[in-house]
Each structure stands twice: as structure tokens, then as C-alpha cells.
Amino acid sequence: MYKFMANSRKNIIQLNKIDSTHHYIVVPRRIRGKVQKVIKPLKKVKGNCYFTCNMPHALINFIYRSVKKLGLTNSKLIFSRGTVRINNRIAHNAVSSTMLEWDLGILFIIPLKLRYNTFVTIEVADKDYSVRLMELAILIALMAYAHPSQPRKKHIEDAHKVLCLGWKSIMT
């Protein structure tokens, strides 16, 4: 085997392979109105994406593919389940993102009440499509992180196009 082929095999991650890990992170959490630091275990890893428990394998694959397509391979991305608050109110259909201290990475919190099998119907190009609400919320959050200068409306429109028509619809 050639030397360059051996090096390239180390960089290739199998599509269906999800590794386990024994890392821990310190995350901010609101407990009785005060922000406190809590240690959370990371159970699964795929590329630069780390996941806490209770993440479906199909969702892990979707997140990893989205991260690769958006070019977010420079930093560690951590996905966890928890409570998402917008203006001190609990939100069930939004994903929050937080930059962790000590350059640990970016934490994306997915609401606990949001289920993977919840579908919504959206209209793209005068056709109705049924998509998973969790995938839509995560994709909007990833696009907001990848392209912070674009308006939120553009992120939402692009996420709709990607989930309904594929990645080629926004790559033009």
C-alpha cells in the first residue's frame, strides 16, 4: 500500500460509524434562577461532533452531514438535550447555541420536549413537504452559526430548501 493511501484512510469516517467516547464538558445551566456550571458526559462522537445521551443515530448522521456540507469542521460542536429559553420563556421549537468557556467548542441545546418523530408541513416552490421539526430547528441553528452575517429569514428559507429539495438547491 502506498504511503499517501494509508494517511487518507485515517481521515475517512465511515458513513454509519458512530464512536463512543468518555469525555466530559462543563456547561452553564440555570438552576433556581441562577446560572451554575454542571458537568455533562459526552457519550457519542462522529468527526468533530460530540453528543450526549438520548440522540437517535439517524439524527447524529443528519447533523454530521450538515456540518460537513456547511464547512463547520474547524471547531468542536457539542449537541445536548435540555431546556431552551428565549427571553426567559421556555421554547420547545428552537435550538440554542452557546460558546463554551476555555475554547471547548459550541454547545447546541435541543429542547427535551421536541421529539424526533414530530413532523411539520412546509411549502417550498408551491409544493407541500413534510419534514422533521427537530432536523429543521437544528439546521437553522447550524446555518446561523455558519453564516452569522446573513439575516435569520435567509437561514430559514435555506433550511426549508435543503430539507425539501436537497443541498444542491442552495449551492448555486
N, C-alpha and C. Protein backbone atom coordinates (compact mmCIF):
# COMPACT_ATOMS: atom_id res chain seq x y z
N MET A 1 0.84 -1.17 0.00
CA MET A 1 0.00 0.00 0.00
C MET A 1 0.89 1.24 0.00
N TYR A 2 0.47 2.24 -0.75
CA TYR A 2 1.24 3.47 -0.81
C TYR A 2 1.06 4.29 0.46
N LYS A 3 2.07 5.10 0.77
CA LYS A 3 2.05 5.88 1.99
C LYS A 3 0.90 6.88 2.01
N PHE A 4 0.62 7.55 0.89
CA PHE A 4 -0.45 8.54 0.86
C PHE A 4 -1.82 7.89 1.04
N MET A 5 -1.97 6.63 0.64
CA MET A 5 -3.25 5.94 0.81
C MET A 5 -3.48 5.60 2.27
N ALA A 6 -2.44 5.27 3.00
CA ALA A 6 -2.58 4.96 4.42
C ALA A 6 -3.00 6.21 5.19
N ASN A 7 -2.45 7.36 4.83
CA ASN A 7 -2.82 8.59 5.52
C ASN A 7 -4.24 9.01 5.21
N SER A 8 -4.69 8.80 3.99
CA SER A 8 -6.05 9.21 3.63
C SER A 8 -7.09 8.33 4.32
N ARG A 9 -6.77 7.10 4.60
CA ARG A 9 -7.74 6.21 5.27
C ARG A 9 -7.99 6.65 6.71
N LYS A 10 -7.02 7.28 7.35
CA LYS A 10 -7.22 7.77 8.71
C LYS A 10 -8.22 8.92 8.75
N ASN A 11 -8.31 9.68 7.67
CA ASN A 11 -9.19 10.84 7.62
C ASN A 11 -10.60 10.50 7.16
N ILE A 12 -10.82 9.31 6.69
CA ILE A 12 -12.13 8.91 6.19
C ILE A 12 -12.94 8.32 7.34
N ILE A 13 -14.14 8.86 7.53
CA ILE A 13 -15.04 8.36 8.56
C ILE A 13 -16.17 7.63 7.86
N GLN A 14 -16.40 6.38 8.25
CA GLN A 14 -17.46 5.60 7.63
C GLN A 14 -18.80 6.27 7.88
N LEU A 15 -19.69 6.14 6.91
CA LEU A 15 -20.96 6.84 6.96
C LEU A 15 -21.81 6.42 8.16
N ASN A 16 -21.85 5.14 8.46
CA ASN A 16 -22.72 4.66 9.53
C ASN A 16 -22.00 4.45 10.86
N LYS A 17 -20.72 4.81 10.94
CA LYS A 17 -19.96 4.55 12.16
C LYS A 17 -20.11 5.71 13.14
N ILE A 18 -20.51 5.38 14.36
CA ILE A 18 -20.61 6.36 15.44
C ILE A 18 -19.81 5.79 16.60
N ASP A 19 -18.76 6.50 16.99
CA ASP A 19 -17.89 6.03 18.05
C ASP A 19 -18.44 6.44 19.41
N SER A 20 -18.00 5.72 20.43
CA SER A 20 -18.33 6.13 21.80
C SER A 20 -17.13 6.86 22.37
N THR A 21 -17.38 7.70 23.35
CA THR A 21 -16.32 8.48 23.96
C THR A 21 -16.59 8.61 25.45
N HIS A 22 -15.57 9.00 26.17
CA HIS A 22 -15.70 9.18 27.63
C HIS A 22 -15.20 10.57 28.02
N HIS A 23 -15.64 11.58 27.28
CA HIS A 23 -15.30 12.97 27.59
C HIS A 23 -16.40 13.58 28.43
N TYR A 24 -16.04 14.64 29.15
CA TYR A 24 -17.00 15.39 29.95
C TYR A 24 -16.82 16.87 29.65
N ILE A 25 -17.91 17.63 29.71
CA ILE A 25 -17.83 19.07 29.50
C ILE A 25 -18.52 19.79 30.64
N VAL A 26 -18.13 21.03 30.85
CA VAL A 26 -18.75 21.88 31.85
C VAL A 26 -19.67 22.84 31.10
N VAL A 27 -20.96 22.77 31.38
CA VAL A 27 -21.93 23.60 30.67
C VAL A 27 -22.68 24.49 31.66
N PRO A 28 -23.05 25.70 31.22
CA PRO A 28 -23.87 26.55 32.09
C PRO A 28 -25.31 26.07 32.09
N ARG A 29 -25.91 26.04 33.26
CA ARG A 29 -27.30 25.62 33.39
C ARG A 29 -27.97 26.51 34.42
N ARG A 30 -29.20 26.89 34.16
CA ARG A 30 -29.94 27.72 35.10
C ARG A 30 -30.64 26.83 36.12
N ILE A 31 -30.27 27.00 37.39
CA ILE A 31 -30.87 26.24 38.47
C ILE A 31 -31.40 27.24 39.49
N ARG A 32 -32.71 27.23 39.69
CA ARG A 32 -33.39 28.14 40.61
C ARG A 32 -33.03 29.61 40.33
N GLY A 33 -33.03 29.97 39.06
CA GLY A 33 -32.80 31.35 38.67
C GLY A 33 -31.35 31.77 38.58
N LYS A 34 -30.42 30.93 39.00
CA LYS A 34 -29.00 31.27 38.94
C LYS A 34 -28.30 30.37 37.93
N VAL A 35 -27.31 30.93 37.25
CA VAL A 35 -26.54 30.16 36.29
C VAL A 35 -25.42 29.45 37.03
N GLN A 36 -25.39 28.12 36.94
CA GLN A 36 -24.37 27.32 37.59
C GLN A 36 -23.71 26.41 36.55
N LYS A 37 -22.51 25.97 36.86
CA LYS A 37 -21.79 25.06 35.97
C LYS A 37 -22.11 23.62 36.34
N VAL A 38 -22.41 22.83 35.31
CA VAL A 38 -22.76 21.42 35.50
C VAL A 38 -21.89 20.59 34.58
N ILE A 39 -21.46 19.44 35.06
CA ILE A 39 -20.65 18.53 34.25
C ILE A 39 -21.58 17.55 33.54
N LYS A 40 -21.44 17.47 32.20
CA LYS A 40 -22.25 16.56 31.41
C LYS A 40 -21.34 15.58 30.69
N PRO A 41 -21.71 14.31 30.66
CA PRO A 41 -20.90 13.34 29.91
C PRO A 41 -21.24 13.35 28.42
N LEU A 42 -20.24 13.18 27.60
CA LEU A 42 -20.43 13.03 26.15
C LEU A 42 -20.31 11.55 25.84
N LYS A 43 -21.33 10.98 25.22
CA LYS A 43 -21.39 9.54 25.00
C LYS A 43 -20.97 9.12 23.59
N LYS A 44 -21.29 9.95 22.59
CA LYS A 44 -21.04 9.55 21.21
C LYS A 44 -20.28 10.65 20.48
N VAL A 45 -19.47 10.25 19.50
CA VAL A 45 -18.69 11.20 18.71
C VAL A 45 -18.69 10.76 17.25
N LYS A 46 -18.81 11.74 16.37
CA LYS A 46 -18.68 11.48 14.94
C LYS A 46 -18.00 12.71 14.33
N GLY A 47 -16.75 12.53 13.92
CA GLY A 47 -15.96 13.65 13.40
C GLY A 47 -15.70 14.65 14.51
N ASN A 48 -16.07 15.92 14.28
CA ASN A 48 -15.90 16.94 15.30
C ASN A 48 -17.20 17.21 16.06
N CYS A 49 -18.19 16.33 15.92
CA CYS A 49 -19.48 16.46 16.60
C CYS A 49 -19.55 15.50 17.78
N TYR A 50 -19.87 16.04 18.94
CA TYR A 50 -19.99 15.24 20.16
C TYR A 50 -21.44 15.30 20.62
N PHE A 51 -21.93 14.18 21.17
CA PHE A 51 -23.33 14.08 21.54
C PHE A 51 -23.47 13.52 22.95
N THR A 52 -24.43 14.06 23.68
CA THR A 52 -24.79 13.46 24.96
C THR A 52 -25.74 12.31 24.68
N CYS A 53 -26.22 11.66 25.71
CA CYS A 53 -27.10 10.52 25.51
C CYS A 53 -28.45 10.98 24.95
N ASN A 54 -29.25 10.02 24.55
CA ASN A 54 -30.61 10.23 24.02
C ASN A 54 -30.62 10.92 22.66
N MET A 55 -29.66 10.62 21.82
CA MET A 55 -29.67 11.13 20.45
C MET A 55 -29.87 9.96 19.49
N PRO A 56 -30.89 10.01 18.65
CA PRO A 56 -31.09 8.94 17.67
C PRO A 56 -29.94 8.89 16.66
N HIS A 57 -29.59 7.70 16.21
CA HIS A 57 -28.48 7.54 15.26
C HIS A 57 -28.76 8.26 13.94
N ALA A 58 -30.01 8.26 13.51
CA ALA A 58 -30.34 8.95 12.27
C ALA A 58 -30.12 10.45 12.41
N LEU A 59 -30.40 11.00 13.59
CA LEU A 59 -30.17 12.43 13.83
C LEU A 59 -28.67 12.74 13.88
N ILE A 60 -27.89 11.85 14.46
CA ILE A 60 -26.43 12.03 14.50
C ILE A 60 -25.88 12.06 13.08
N ASN A 61 -26.33 11.16 12.23
CA ASN A 61 -25.88 11.15 10.83
C ASN A 61 -26.31 12.43 10.11
N PHE A 62 -27.53 12.89 10.34
CA PHE A 62 -28.01 14.12 9.72
C PHE A 62 -27.16 15.32 10.15
N ILE A 63 -26.88 15.42 11.43
CA ILE A 63 -26.07 16.54 11.94
C ILE A 63 -24.68 16.50 11.36
N TYR A 64 -24.07 15.32 11.33
CA TYR A 64 -22.71 15.20 10.80
C TYR A 64 -22.64 15.61 9.33
N ARG A 65 -23.61 15.16 8.55
CA ARG A 65 -23.63 15.52 7.12
C ARG A 65 -23.85 17.01 6.94
N SER A 66 -24.71 17.60 7.75
CA SER A 66 -24.96 19.04 7.66
C SER A 66 -23.71 19.84 8.04
N VAL A 67 -23.02 19.40 9.07
CA VAL A 67 -21.79 20.08 9.50
C VAL A 67 -20.75 20.03 8.38
N LYS A 68 -20.60 18.89 7.73
CA LYS A 68 -19.66 18.75 6.62
C LYS A 68 -20.04 19.65 5.45
N LYS A 69 -21.32 19.67 5.09
CA LYS A 69 -21.77 20.49 3.96
C LYS A 69 -21.60 21.98 4.24
N LEU A 70 -21.78 22.40 5.49
CA LEU A 70 -21.65 23.81 5.85
C LEU A 70 -20.20 24.20 6.12
N GLY A 71 -19.30 23.23 6.16
CA GLY A 71 -17.89 23.53 6.38
C GLY A 71 -17.55 23.91 7.81
N LEU A 72 -18.24 23.34 8.76
CA LEU A 72 -18.02 23.67 10.17
C LEU A 72 -17.08 22.66 10.84
N THR A 73 -15.99 22.33 10.20
CA THR A 73 -15.10 21.30 10.72
C THR A 73 -13.95 21.87 11.54
N ASN A 74 -13.90 23.19 11.74
CA ASN A 74 -12.77 23.79 12.46
C ASN A 74 -12.89 23.69 13.97
N SER A 75 -14.11 23.68 14.49
CA SER A 75 -14.28 23.68 15.94
C SER A 75 -15.10 22.48 16.40
N LYS A 76 -15.05 22.24 17.68
CA LYS A 76 -15.81 21.13 18.28
C LYS A 76 -17.26 21.57 18.48
N LEU A 77 -18.18 20.78 17.99
CA LEU A 77 -19.60 21.06 18.13
C LEU A 77 -20.22 20.01 19.05
N ILE A 78 -20.90 20.48 20.08
CA ILE A 78 -21.47 19.59 21.09
C ILE A 78 -22.98 19.74 21.06
N PHE A 79 -23.67 18.61 20.96
CA PHE A 79 -25.12 18.61 20.89
C PHE A 79 -25.68 17.91 22.12
N SER A 80 -26.61 18.60 22.79
CA SER A 80 -27.16 18.09 24.04
C SER A 80 -28.66 18.36 24.07
N ARG A 81 -29.35 17.65 24.93
CA ARG A 81 -30.77 17.89 25.17
C ARG A 81 -30.91 18.69 26.45
N GLY A 82 -31.88 19.58 26.49
CA GLY A 82 -32.08 20.39 27.68
C GLY A 82 -33.22 21.38 27.50
N THR A 83 -33.22 22.42 28.33
CA THR A 83 -34.24 23.45 28.29
C THR A 83 -33.72 24.65 27.50
N VAL A 84 -34.49 25.09 26.54
CA VAL A 84 -34.12 26.25 25.73
C VAL A 84 -35.01 27.40 26.16
N ARG A 85 -34.38 28.54 26.43
CA ARG A 85 -35.13 29.73 26.85
C ARG A 85 -34.89 30.86 25.87
N ILE A 86 -35.97 31.54 25.52
CA ILE A 86 -35.90 32.75 24.72
C ILE A 86 -36.63 33.84 25.51
N ASN A 87 -35.90 34.90 25.90
CA ASN A 87 -36.44 35.97 26.74
C ASN A 87 -37.06 35.43 28.02
N ASN A 88 -36.34 34.52 28.68
CA ASN A 88 -36.75 33.90 29.94
C ASN A 88 -38.03 33.07 29.83
N ARG A 89 -38.41 32.68 28.63
CA ARG A 89 -39.55 31.79 28.45
C ARG A 89 -39.05 30.52 27.79
N ILE A 90 -39.60 29.40 28.20
CA ILE A 90 -39.19 28.11 27.66
C ILE A 90 -39.71 27.97 26.23
N ALA A 91 -38.80 27.63 25.33
CA ALA A 91 -39.16 27.42 23.92
C ALA A 91 -39.02 25.93 23.60
N HIS A 92 -39.99 25.40 22.85
CA HIS A 92 -39.99 23.98 22.52
C HIS A 92 -39.59 23.69 21.08
N ASN A 93 -39.54 24.74 20.24
CA ASN A 93 -39.28 24.52 18.82
C ASN A 93 -38.06 25.29 18.33
N ALA A 94 -37.12 25.56 19.20
CA ALA A 94 -35.91 26.29 18.81
C ALA A 94 -34.70 25.62 19.43
N VAL A 95 -33.55 25.77 18.78
CA VAL A 95 -32.29 25.21 19.28
C VAL A 95 -31.41 26.38 19.69
N SER A 96 -30.86 26.32 20.89
CA SER A 96 -29.98 27.41 21.34
C SER A 96 -28.53 27.01 21.13
N SER A 97 -27.69 28.02 20.94
CA SER A 97 -26.25 27.77 20.79
C SER A 97 -25.50 28.68 21.75
N THR A 98 -24.46 28.11 22.37
CA THR A 98 -23.66 28.82 23.35
C THR A 98 -22.19 28.50 23.13
N MET A 99 -21.37 29.54 23.16
CA MET A 99 -19.93 29.34 23.08
C MET A 99 -19.45 28.97 24.48
N LEU A 100 -18.82 27.81 24.59
CA LEU A 100 -18.35 27.34 25.89
C LEU A 100 -17.04 28.00 26.27
N GLU A 101 -16.80 28.09 27.56
CA GLU A 101 -15.57 28.69 28.06
C GLU A 101 -14.37 27.80 27.75
N TRP A 102 -13.20 28.37 27.83
CA TRP A 102 -11.92 27.69 27.64
C TRP A 102 -11.80 27.06 26.26
N ASP A 103 -12.44 27.63 25.26
CA ASP A 103 -12.39 27.13 23.89
C ASP A 103 -12.75 25.65 23.77
N LEU A 104 -13.75 25.24 24.54
CA LEU A 104 -14.19 23.85 24.48
C LEU A 104 -15.03 23.57 23.24
N GLY A 105 -15.63 24.60 22.66
CA GLY A 105 -16.45 24.42 21.47
C GLY A 105 -17.76 25.16 21.59
N ILE A 106 -18.68 24.79 20.74
CA ILE A 106 -20.00 25.41 20.70
C ILE A 106 -21.02 24.36 21.13
N LEU A 107 -21.86 24.74 22.06
CA LEU A 107 -22.89 23.85 22.59
C LEU A 107 -24.22 24.18 21.95
N PHE A 108 -24.86 23.20 21.33
CA PHE A 108 -26.19 23.35 20.76
C PHE A 108 -27.14 22.56 21.67
N ILE A 109 -28.14 23.24 22.21
CA ILE A 109 -29.10 22.58 23.11
C ILE A 109 -30.42 22.39 22.36
N ILE A 110 -30.86 21.14 22.30
CA ILE A 110 -32.10 20.76 21.64
C ILE A 110 -33.15 20.55 22.74
N PRO A 111 -34.33 21.14 22.63
CA PRO A 111 -35.34 21.01 23.68
C PRO A 111 -35.72 19.56 23.97
N LEU A 112 -35.90 19.27 25.24
CA LEU A 112 -36.29 17.92 25.65
C LEU A 112 -37.68 17.54 25.14
N LYS A 113 -38.58 18.51 25.08
CA LYS A 113 -39.95 18.21 24.66
C LYS A 113 -40.08 17.99 23.16
N LEU A 114 -39.06 18.39 22.41
CA LEU A 114 -39.09 18.21 20.96
C LEU A 114 -38.74 16.76 20.63
N ARG A 115 -39.62 16.06 19.98
CA ARG A 115 -39.43 14.66 19.65
C ARG A 115 -38.95 14.51 18.20
N TYR A 116 -38.19 13.47 17.95
CA TYR A 116 -37.62 13.26 16.62
C TYR A 116 -38.70 12.91 15.60
N ASN A 117 -39.79 12.30 16.03
CA ASN A 117 -40.83 11.87 15.08
C ASN A 117 -41.93 12.92 14.91
N THR A 118 -41.68 14.17 15.30
CA THR A 118 -42.64 15.24 15.09
C THR A 118 -42.40 15.86 13.72
N PHE A 119 -43.44 15.87 12.89
CA PHE A 119 -43.33 16.39 11.52
C PHE A 119 -44.10 17.69 11.39
N VAL A 120 -43.64 18.56 10.49
CA VAL A 120 -44.37 19.77 10.12
C VAL A 120 -44.46 19.79 8.59
N THR A 121 -45.45 20.49 8.09
CA THR A 121 -45.63 20.63 6.65
C THR A 121 -45.20 22.05 6.27
N ILE A 122 -44.28 22.14 5.31
CA ILE A 122 -43.82 23.44 4.83
C ILE A 122 -44.02 23.49 3.32
N GLU A 123 -44.14 24.71 2.80
CA GLU A 123 -44.36 24.90 1.38
C GLU A 123 -43.11 25.48 0.74
N VAL A 124 -42.58 24.79 -0.25
CA VAL A 124 -41.41 25.25 -0.99
C VAL A 124 -41.73 25.09 -2.47
N ALA A 125 -41.57 26.16 -3.23
CA ALA A 125 -41.83 26.15 -4.68
C ALA A 125 -43.24 25.65 -4.99
N ASP A 126 -44.22 26.16 -4.24
CA ASP A 126 -45.64 25.84 -4.44
C ASP A 126 -45.97 24.37 -4.25
N LYS A 127 -45.16 23.65 -3.49
CA LYS A 127 -45.45 22.25 -3.15
C LYS A 127 -45.32 22.08 -1.65
N ASP A 128 -46.16 21.20 -1.08
CA ASP A 128 -46.09 20.92 0.35
C ASP A 128 -45.16 19.74 0.60
N TYR A 129 -44.32 19.89 1.63
CA TYR A 129 -43.39 18.84 2.03
C TYR A 129 -43.54 18.62 3.54
N SER A 130 -43.42 17.38 3.94
CA SER A 130 -43.44 17.03 5.36
C SER A 130 -42.00 16.76 5.81
N VAL A 131 -41.53 17.53 6.81
CA VAL A 131 -40.16 17.40 7.30
C VAL A 131 -40.17 17.26 8.81
N ARG A 132 -39.10 16.73 9.34
CA ARG A 132 -38.96 16.59 10.80
C ARG A 132 -38.66 17.95 11.41
N LEU A 133 -39.42 18.31 12.44
CA LEU A 133 -39.25 19.60 13.09
C LEU A 133 -37.88 19.71 13.77
N MET A 134 -37.38 18.61 14.34
CA MET A 134 -36.09 18.63 15.01
C MET A 134 -34.97 18.89 14.01
N GLU A 135 -35.02 18.25 12.86
CA GLU A 135 -34.00 18.47 11.83
C GLU A 135 -34.04 19.91 11.33
N LEU A 136 -35.23 20.45 11.17
CA LEU A 136 -35.38 21.83 10.72
C LEU A 136 -34.78 22.81 11.72
N ALA A 137 -35.08 22.64 13.00
CA ALA A 137 -34.56 23.54 14.03
C ALA A 137 -33.03 23.45 14.12
N ILE A 138 -32.48 22.24 14.05
CA ILE A 138 -31.03 22.07 14.13
C ILE A 138 -30.35 22.68 12.91
N LEU A 139 -30.92 22.47 11.73
CA LEU A 139 -30.32 23.00 10.51
C LEU A 139 -30.33 24.53 10.51
N ILE A 140 -31.38 25.14 11.01
CA ILE A 140 -31.43 26.61 11.11
C ILE A 140 -30.35 27.10 12.06
N ALA A 141 -30.16 26.42 13.19
CA ALA A 141 -29.13 26.82 14.15
C ALA A 141 -27.73 26.66 13.56
N LEU A 142 -27.49 25.57 12.85
CA LEU A 142 -26.18 25.36 12.21
C LEU A 142 -25.91 26.39 11.12
N MET A 143 -26.94 26.73 10.35
CA MET A 143 -26.76 27.75 9.32
C MET A 143 -26.51 29.13 9.93
N ALA A 144 -27.15 29.42 11.05
CA ALA A 144 -26.91 30.70 11.73
C ALA A 144 -25.48 30.77 12.24
N TYR A 145 -24.94 29.66 12.69
CA TYR A 145 -23.55 29.64 13.16
C TYR A 145 -22.57 29.70 11.98
N ALA A 146 -22.90 29.04 10.88
CA ALA A 146 -22.00 29.02 9.72
C ALA A 146 -21.99 30.36 8.99
N HIS A 147 -23.13 31.04 8.94
CA HIS A 147 -23.25 32.30 8.21
C HIS A 147 -23.90 33.36 9.12
N PRO A 148 -23.15 33.90 10.09
CA PRO A 148 -23.76 34.85 11.03
C PRO A 148 -24.14 36.19 10.42
N SER A 149 -23.56 36.54 9.27
CA SER A 149 -23.86 37.84 8.67
C SER A 149 -25.19 37.85 7.92
N GLN A 150 -25.69 36.69 7.55
CA GLN A 150 -26.96 36.62 6.83
C GLN A 150 -28.13 36.80 7.79
N PRO A 151 -29.25 37.35 7.30
CA PRO A 151 -30.42 37.51 8.17
C PRO A 151 -31.07 36.17 8.50
N ARG A 152 -31.80 36.15 9.58
CA ARG A 152 -32.45 34.93 10.05
C ARG A 152 -33.42 34.37 9.01
N LYS A 153 -34.10 35.25 8.31
CA LYS A 153 -35.06 34.83 7.29
C LYS A 153 -34.36 34.00 6.21
N LYS A 154 -33.16 34.38 5.84
CA LYS A 154 -32.39 33.65 4.82
C LYS A 154 -32.04 32.25 5.33
N HIS A 155 -31.67 32.13 6.62
CA HIS A 155 -31.36 30.82 7.20
C HIS A 155 -32.57 29.91 7.15
N ILE A 156 -33.73 30.46 7.48
CA ILE A 156 -34.95 29.66 7.49
C ILE A 156 -35.31 29.21 6.07
N GLU A 157 -35.23 30.12 5.11
CA GLU A 157 -35.54 29.76 3.72
C GLU A 157 -34.57 28.70 3.20
N ASP A 158 -33.28 28.86 3.49
CA ASP A 158 -32.30 27.87 3.04
C ASP A 158 -32.52 26.51 3.70
N ALA A 159 -32.86 26.51 4.97
CA ALA A 159 -33.12 25.24 5.66
C ALA A 159 -34.33 24.53 5.04
N HIS A 160 -35.36 25.30 4.70
CA HIS A 160 -36.53 24.70 4.03
C HIS A 160 -36.13 24.08 2.70
N LYS A 161 -35.34 24.81 1.92
CA LYS A 161 -34.92 24.30 0.62
C LYS A 161 -34.07 23.04 0.75
N VAL A 162 -33.16 23.02 1.72
CA VAL A 162 -32.27 21.86 1.90
C VAL A 162 -33.08 20.63 2.27
N LEU A 163 -33.99 20.76 3.22
CA LEU A 163 -34.76 19.60 3.67
C LEU A 163 -35.74 19.11 2.61
N CYS A 164 -36.22 20.00 1.75
CA CYS A 164 -37.20 19.60 0.75
C CYS A 164 -36.57 19.24 -0.60
N LEU A 165 -35.58 20.03 -1.02
CA LEU A 165 -35.04 19.87 -2.37
C LEU A 165 -33.60 19.37 -2.40
N GLY A 166 -32.94 19.33 -1.26
CA GLY A 166 -31.56 18.86 -1.21
C GLY A 166 -30.56 20.01 -1.15
N TRP A 167 -29.31 19.67 -0.90
CA TRP A 167 -28.24 20.66 -0.74
C TRP A 167 -27.93 21.41 -2.03
N LYS A 168 -28.17 20.78 -3.16
CA LYS A 168 -27.86 21.44 -4.44
C LYS A 168 -28.73 22.66 -4.67
N SER A 169 -29.87 22.74 -4.01
CA SER A 169 -30.78 23.86 -4.20
C SER A 169 -30.23 25.18 -3.66
N ILE A 170 -29.31 25.12 -2.70
CA ILE A 170 -28.73 26.36 -2.17
C ILE A 170 -27.28 26.54 -2.56
N MET A 171 -26.68 25.58 -3.21
CA MET A 171 -25.26 25.65 -3.57
C MET A 171 -25.02 26.41 -4.88
N THR A 172 -26.06 26.94 -5.49
CA THR A 172 -25.88 27.65 -6.76
C THR A 172 -25.38 29.05 -6.57
